[in-house]
Structure formats: structure tokens, C-alpha cells
């Protein structure tokens, strides 16, 4: 896997950054496209559903793997 790629989002009115490997961003982009939503919308959904003790980056990786 390659170096981490950082992207910024506004979630629940707060600006945050998430760093993931390019392969995970590609998987999330494919999931978002299949659902016809933006990556930002998908990230917001995962953020809203994650457990409070799970970091957002981890929640996104798990989401991408479970959706395969």
C-alpha cells in the first residue's frame, strides 16, 4: 500500500482531516459512486454511525472492507 493521503471534510459542523491509503480512498470512491453520493456524504454517514471510541479513519477502513 502507498503513503497516506489526507482529505478534509466538514462533519457535524466541524472541520476534520482523515488520512488513508490511496487504495482505501479508491474503494470508498467506488462505494460512493455506486450509491450516487459524494465521498463527503459517505464519510459523514460512517462518522454518524461509528462507535465513539473508534477513530474515523479506522471506521472508514472497516466500512470499505465490509462493503467488498
N, C-alpha and C. Protein backbone atom coordinates (compact mmCIF):
# COMPACT_ATOMS: atom_id res chain seq x y z
N UNK A 1 0.84 -1.17 0.00
CA UNK A 1 0.00 0.00 0.00
C UNK A 1 0.89 1.24 0.00
N UNK A 2 0.35 2.33 -0.55
CA UNK A 2 1.12 3.55 -0.67
C UNK A 2 1.08 4.40 0.57
N UNK A 3 1.65 5.57 0.44
CA UNK A 3 1.67 6.54 1.53
C UNK A 3 0.25 7.03 1.79
N UNK A 4 0.04 7.55 2.98
CA UNK A 4 -1.28 8.06 3.35
C UNK A 4 -1.62 9.32 2.56
N UNK A 5 -2.89 9.44 2.22
CA UNK A 5 -3.42 10.62 1.54
C UNK A 5 -4.42 11.25 2.49
N UNK A 6 -4.24 12.54 2.74
CA UNK A 6 -5.10 13.24 3.68
C UNK A 6 -6.17 14.01 2.92
N UNK A 7 -7.42 13.90 3.40
CA UNK A 7 -8.54 14.67 2.86
C UNK A 7 -9.25 15.35 4.01
N UNK A 8 -9.81 16.51 3.74
CA UNK A 8 -10.52 17.27 4.77
C UNK A 8 -12.02 17.28 4.49
N UNK A 9 -12.79 17.23 5.55
CA UNK A 9 -14.25 17.21 5.46
C UNK A 9 -14.84 18.07 6.57
N UNK A 10 -16.07 18.50 6.36
CA UNK A 10 -16.84 19.13 7.43
C UNK A 10 -17.87 18.12 7.87
N UNK A 11 -17.76 17.70 9.13
CA UNK A 11 -18.66 16.70 9.70
C UNK A 11 -19.33 17.28 10.93
N UNK A 12 -20.64 17.28 10.92
CA UNK A 12 -21.42 17.82 12.04
C UNK A 12 -20.98 19.24 12.37
N UNK A 13 -20.69 20.01 11.32
CA UNK A 13 -20.31 21.41 11.50
C UNK A 13 -18.87 21.66 11.90
N UNK A 14 -18.06 20.61 11.96
CA UNK A 14 -16.66 20.75 12.35
C UNK A 14 -15.76 20.25 11.24
N UNK A 15 -14.68 20.96 11.02
CA UNK A 15 -13.70 20.58 10.01
C UNK A 15 -12.78 19.51 10.58
N UNK A 16 -12.55 18.45 9.81
CA UNK A 16 -11.65 17.39 10.25
C UNK A 16 -10.89 16.84 9.05
N UNK A 17 -9.78 16.22 9.30
CA UNK A 17 -8.98 15.60 8.25
C UNK A 17 -8.85 14.12 8.54
N UNK A 18 -8.80 13.35 7.46
CA UNK A 18 -8.65 11.89 7.56
C UNK A 18 -7.53 11.48 6.61
N UNK A 19 -6.62 10.67 7.11
CA UNK A 19 -5.53 10.16 6.29
C UNK A 19 -5.72 8.66 6.10
N UNK A 20 -5.81 8.25 4.84
CA UNK A 20 -5.96 6.84 4.49
C UNK A 20 -5.04 6.50 3.32
N UNK A 21 -4.80 5.24 3.15
CA UNK A 21 -4.04 4.78 2.00
C UNK A 21 -4.86 5.03 0.73
N UNK A 22 -4.20 5.30 -0.39
CA UNK A 22 -4.93 5.56 -1.64
C UNK A 22 -5.91 4.45 -2.01
N UNK A 23 -5.55 3.22 -1.71
CA UNK A 23 -6.43 2.10 -2.04
C UNK A 23 -7.77 2.19 -1.29
N UNK A 24 -7.74 2.66 -0.05
CA UNK A 24 -8.99 2.82 0.69
C UNK A 24 -9.81 3.98 0.14
N UNK A 25 -9.14 5.07 -0.25
CA UNK A 25 -9.89 6.18 -0.87
C UNK A 25 -10.54 5.71 -2.16
N UNK A 26 -9.84 4.87 -2.94
CA UNK A 26 -10.42 4.35 -4.19
C UNK A 26 -11.63 3.48 -3.90
N UNK A 27 -11.53 2.64 -2.88
CA UNK A 27 -12.66 1.77 -2.52
C UNK A 27 -13.84 2.60 -2.06
N UNK A 28 -13.59 3.62 -1.25
CA UNK A 28 -14.68 4.48 -0.77
C UNK A 28 -15.30 5.28 -1.92
N UNK A 29 -14.46 5.71 -2.86
CA UNK A 29 -14.99 6.44 -4.02
C UNK A 29 -15.89 5.53 -4.86
N UNK A 30 -15.50 4.28 -5.01
CA UNK A 30 -16.33 3.33 -5.76
C UNK A 30 -17.65 3.08 -5.05
N UNK A 31 -17.62 2.94 -3.73
CA UNK A 31 -18.84 2.76 -2.96
C UNK A 31 -19.76 3.96 -3.09
N UNK A 32 -19.17 5.15 -2.97
CA UNK A 32 -19.96 6.38 -3.09
C UNK A 32 -20.58 6.48 -4.48
N UNK A 33 -19.81 6.19 -5.50
CA UNK A 33 -20.32 6.26 -6.87
C UNK A 33 -21.45 5.27 -7.09
N UNK A 34 -21.30 4.08 -6.55
CA UNK A 34 -22.34 3.06 -6.71
C UNK A 34 -23.64 3.49 -6.04
N UNK A 35 -23.51 4.26 -4.97
CA UNK A 35 -24.69 4.75 -4.24
C UNK A 35 -25.14 6.12 -4.74
N UNK A 36 -24.37 6.67 -5.66
CA UNK A 36 -24.66 8.00 -6.22
C UNK A 36 -24.68 9.09 -5.15
N UNK A 37 -23.68 9.03 -4.27
CA UNK A 37 -23.48 10.06 -3.26
C UNK A 37 -22.02 10.51 -3.35
N UNK A 38 -21.72 11.64 -2.77
CA UNK A 38 -20.34 12.11 -2.75
C UNK A 38 -19.55 11.34 -1.70
N UNK A 39 -18.23 11.38 -1.83
CA UNK A 39 -17.39 10.77 -0.81
C UNK A 39 -17.65 11.47 0.53
N UNK A 40 -17.83 12.78 0.50
CA UNK A 40 -18.10 13.52 1.74
C UNK A 40 -19.38 13.02 2.41
N UNK A 41 -20.41 12.73 1.63
CA UNK A 41 -21.66 12.22 2.20
C UNK A 41 -21.45 10.83 2.79
N UNK A 42 -20.69 9.99 2.11
CA UNK A 42 -20.40 8.66 2.62
C UNK A 42 -19.60 8.75 3.93
N UNK A 43 -18.60 9.60 3.95
CA UNK A 43 -17.80 9.79 5.17
C UNK A 43 -18.69 10.28 6.31
N UNK A 44 -19.60 11.20 6.04
CA UNK A 44 -20.50 11.70 7.07
C UNK A 44 -21.38 10.59 7.62
N UNK A 45 -21.86 9.69 6.76
CA UNK A 45 -22.68 8.57 7.21
C UNK A 45 -21.88 7.63 8.11
N UNK A 46 -20.68 7.32 7.70
CA UNK A 46 -19.82 6.44 8.50
C UNK A 46 -19.51 7.11 9.84
N UNK A 47 -19.23 8.40 9.80
CA UNK A 47 -18.94 9.14 11.02
C UNK A 47 -20.11 9.09 11.99
N UNK A 48 -21.32 9.29 11.48
CA UNK A 48 -22.50 9.30 12.33
C UNK A 48 -22.80 7.93 12.93
N UNK A 49 -22.40 6.86 12.24
CA UNK A 49 -22.72 5.51 12.69
C UNK A 49 -21.62 4.85 13.53
N UNK A 50 -20.44 5.44 13.56
CA UNK A 50 -19.32 4.77 14.24
C UNK A 50 -19.45 4.86 15.75
N UNK A 51 -18.81 3.91 16.41
CA UNK A 51 -18.76 3.93 17.87
C UNK A 51 -17.87 5.08 18.32
N UNK A 52 -18.16 5.70 19.45
CA UNK A 52 -17.40 6.87 19.89
C UNK A 52 -15.91 6.61 20.11
N UNK A 53 -15.57 5.37 20.45
CA UNK A 53 -14.15 5.07 20.72
C UNK A 53 -13.39 4.60 19.48
N UNK A 54 -14.06 4.54 18.33
CA UNK A 54 -13.39 4.12 17.10
C UNK A 54 -13.00 5.35 16.28
N UNK A 55 -11.72 5.51 15.98
CA UNK A 55 -11.29 6.64 15.15
C UNK A 55 -11.97 6.60 13.77
N UNK A 56 -12.20 7.77 13.20
CA UNK A 56 -12.87 7.85 11.91
C UNK A 56 -12.11 7.09 10.83
N UNK A 57 -10.80 7.22 10.80
CA UNK A 57 -10.01 6.51 9.77
C UNK A 57 -10.23 5.00 9.88
N UNK A 58 -10.25 4.48 11.08
CA UNK A 58 -10.48 3.05 11.28
C UNK A 58 -11.88 2.66 10.83
N UNK A 59 -12.87 3.48 11.18
CA UNK A 59 -14.25 3.20 10.78
C UNK A 59 -14.39 3.19 9.26
N UNK A 60 -13.69 4.08 8.58
CA UNK A 60 -13.75 4.12 7.12
C UNK A 60 -13.08 2.89 6.50
N UNK A 61 -11.97 2.47 7.06
CA UNK A 61 -11.30 1.26 6.55
C UNK A 61 -12.21 0.04 6.72
N UNK A 62 -12.81 -0.10 7.90
CA UNK A 62 -13.70 -1.23 8.15
C UNK A 62 -14.90 -1.18 7.21
N UNK A 63 -15.45 0.01 7.02
CA UNK A 63 -16.59 0.16 6.11
C UNK A 63 -16.22 -0.27 4.69
N UNK A 64 -15.06 0.15 4.24
CA UNK A 64 -14.62 -0.23 2.89
C UNK A 64 -14.43 -1.74 2.77
N UNK A 65 -13.90 -2.37 3.80
CA UNK A 65 -13.68 -3.82 3.76
C UNK A 65 -15.00 -4.60 3.83
N UNK A 66 -15.91 -4.15 4.65
CA UNK A 66 -17.20 -4.85 4.79
C UNK A 66 -18.05 -4.73 3.54
N UNK A 67 -17.87 -3.68 2.79
CA UNK A 67 -18.71 -3.43 1.61
C UNK A 67 -18.20 -4.20 0.39
N UNK A 68 -17.07 -4.84 0.50
CA UNK A 68 -16.49 -5.56 -0.64
C UNK A 68 -17.34 -6.70 -1.09
